[in-house]
């Protein structure tokens, strides 16, 4: 299979609903978001973060890292899909179609 196939390149989606009633909960939610960003995730929507990965193996590394950082309370979902599937997303803002505004990883060829 082609090393850069749209079926091999993956996107990880982390979606969550974390409690923010207390100062401690707000800090935990903020820390979780910061750790996602530090690991290369980009905010897709307020509680949905995405990360581009070159392969399933690379995605699994980032999924394990995310699992280690799960907050004590709240709900978190982790899903990964192929670049081909991610490219089929249709986005709308006030019934108007919106372009996908998530940057992929730039690949360098030597």
Protein backbone atom coordinates (compact mmCIF):
# COMPACT_ATOMS: atom_id res chain seq x y z
CA UNK A 1 0.00 0.00 0.00
CA UNK A 2 1.22 3.51 -0.81
CA UNK A 3 2.95 5.08 2.20
CA UNK A 4 1.00 8.34 1.75
CA UNK A 5 -2.34 6.79 0.84
CA UNK A 6 -5.49 8.64 1.94
CA UNK A 7 -6.51 5.33 3.50
CA UNK A 8 -3.30 5.08 5.58
CA UNK A 9 -3.16 8.69 6.79
CA UNK A 10 -5.35 9.06 9.89
CA UNK A 11 -7.16 11.75 11.83
CA UNK A 12 -7.78 11.42 15.57
CA UNK A 13 -10.87 13.11 16.98
CA UNK A 14 -11.09 13.69 20.73
CA UNK A 15 -14.48 14.93 21.90
CA UNK A 16 -15.39 15.62 25.47
CA UNK A 17 -17.90 16.96 27.95
CA UNK A 18 -16.07 17.93 31.13
CA UNK A 19 -17.59 19.43 34.28
CA UNK A 20 -16.72 23.09 34.94
CA UNK A 21 -18.79 23.89 38.03
CA UNK A 22 -15.89 24.36 40.45
CA UNK A 23 -12.52 26.05 40.12
CA UNK A 24 -10.83 22.62 40.36
CA UNK A 25 -13.01 21.23 37.53
CA UNK A 26 -12.36 24.26 35.31
CA UNK A 27 -8.62 23.86 35.86
CA UNK A 28 -8.79 20.13 35.02
CA UNK A 29 -10.72 20.88 31.80
CA UNK A 30 -8.28 23.64 30.85
CA UNK A 31 -5.27 21.43 31.58
CA UNK A 32 -6.72 18.65 29.41
CA UNK A 33 -7.19 21.07 26.48
CA UNK A 34 -3.66 22.43 26.92
CA UNK A 35 -2.21 18.90 26.89
CA UNK A 36 -4.09 18.11 23.68
CA UNK A 37 -2.72 21.26 22.05
CA UNK A 38 0.80 20.47 23.27
CA UNK A 39 0.48 17.05 21.60
CA UNK A 40 -0.39 18.65 18.26
CA UNK A 41 -4.19 18.67 18.38
CA UNK A 42 -6.17 21.57 16.92
CA UNK A 43 -9.56 22.77 18.12
CA UNK A 44 -12.21 21.72 15.60
CA UNK A 45 -15.14 22.89 17.72
CA UNK A 46 -15.18 23.94 21.35
CA UNK A 47 -15.05 20.41 22.80
CA UNK A 48 -13.71 18.59 19.75
CA UNK A 49 -10.01 18.46 18.95
CA UNK A 50 -8.39 16.80 15.92
CA UNK A 51 -4.90 15.68 15.03
CA UNK A 52 -3.45 14.57 11.70
CA UNK A 53 -1.28 11.43 11.83
CA UNK A 54 0.84 9.85 9.09
CA UNK A 55 -0.25 6.29 9.94
CA UNK A 56 -2.35 4.09 12.21
CA UNK A 57 0.76 3.34 14.24
CA UNK A 58 1.42 7.06 14.77
CA UNK A 59 -2.25 7.60 15.70
CA UNK A 60 -2.04 4.84 18.31
CA UNK A 61 0.90 6.62 19.99
CA UNK A 62 -1.14 9.82 20.35
CA UNK A 63 -4.24 7.94 21.48
CA UNK A 64 -2.25 6.26 24.27
CA UNK A 65 -0.83 9.64 25.28
CA UNK A 66 -4.33 11.13 25.39
CA UNK A 67 -5.62 8.25 27.50
CA UNK A 68 -2.85 8.88 30.05
CA UNK A 69 -4.04 12.49 30.39
CA UNK A 70 -7.76 11.80 30.83
CA UNK A 71 -9.31 14.02 33.52
CA UNK A 72 -10.74 12.42 36.64
CA UNK A 73 -14.33 13.45 35.84
CA UNK A 74 -16.33 13.94 32.67
CA UNK A 75 -16.80 12.08 29.42
CA UNK A 76 -14.19 11.74 26.68
CA UNK A 77 -14.48 9.97 23.34
CA UNK A 78 -11.54 9.13 21.08
CA UNK A 79 -12.01 8.06 17.49
CA UNK A 80 -9.73 7.80 14.51
CA UNK A 81 -10.69 7.83 10.86
CA UNK A 82 -8.87 7.77 7.55
CA UNK A 83 -7.93 10.93 5.68
CA UNK A 84 -10.40 9.83 2.98
CA UNK A 85 -13.25 9.68 5.53
CA UNK A 86 -12.23 13.00 7.11
CA UNK A 87 -12.30 14.62 3.68
CA UNK A 88 -15.99 13.72 3.37
CA UNK A 89 -17.02 15.91 6.33
CA UNK A 90 -19.63 18.51 5.44
CA UNK A 91 -19.62 21.60 7.66
CA UNK A 92 -22.29 24.27 7.94
CA UNK A 93 -22.57 27.60 9.70
CA UNK A 94 -26.08 29.09 9.80
CA UNK A 95 -27.17 26.75 6.99
CA UNK A 96 -24.32 27.93 4.79
CA UNK A 97 -21.67 25.42 3.81
CA UNK A 98 -18.34 26.12 5.44
CA UNK A 99 -14.90 25.05 4.24
CA UNK A 100 -12.85 22.66 6.36
CA UNK A 101 -10.40 24.85 8.24
CA UNK A 102 -8.07 22.31 9.85
CA UNK A 103 -4.45 22.21 8.82
CA UNK A 104 -2.87 18.87 8.02
CA UNK A 105 0.68 18.02 8.82
CA UNK A 106 3.13 19.16 6.16
CA UNK A 107 5.11 16.23 4.84
CA UNK A 108 8.72 16.77 3.84
CA UNK A 109 10.20 14.73 1.04
CA UNK A 110 13.94 14.50 0.76
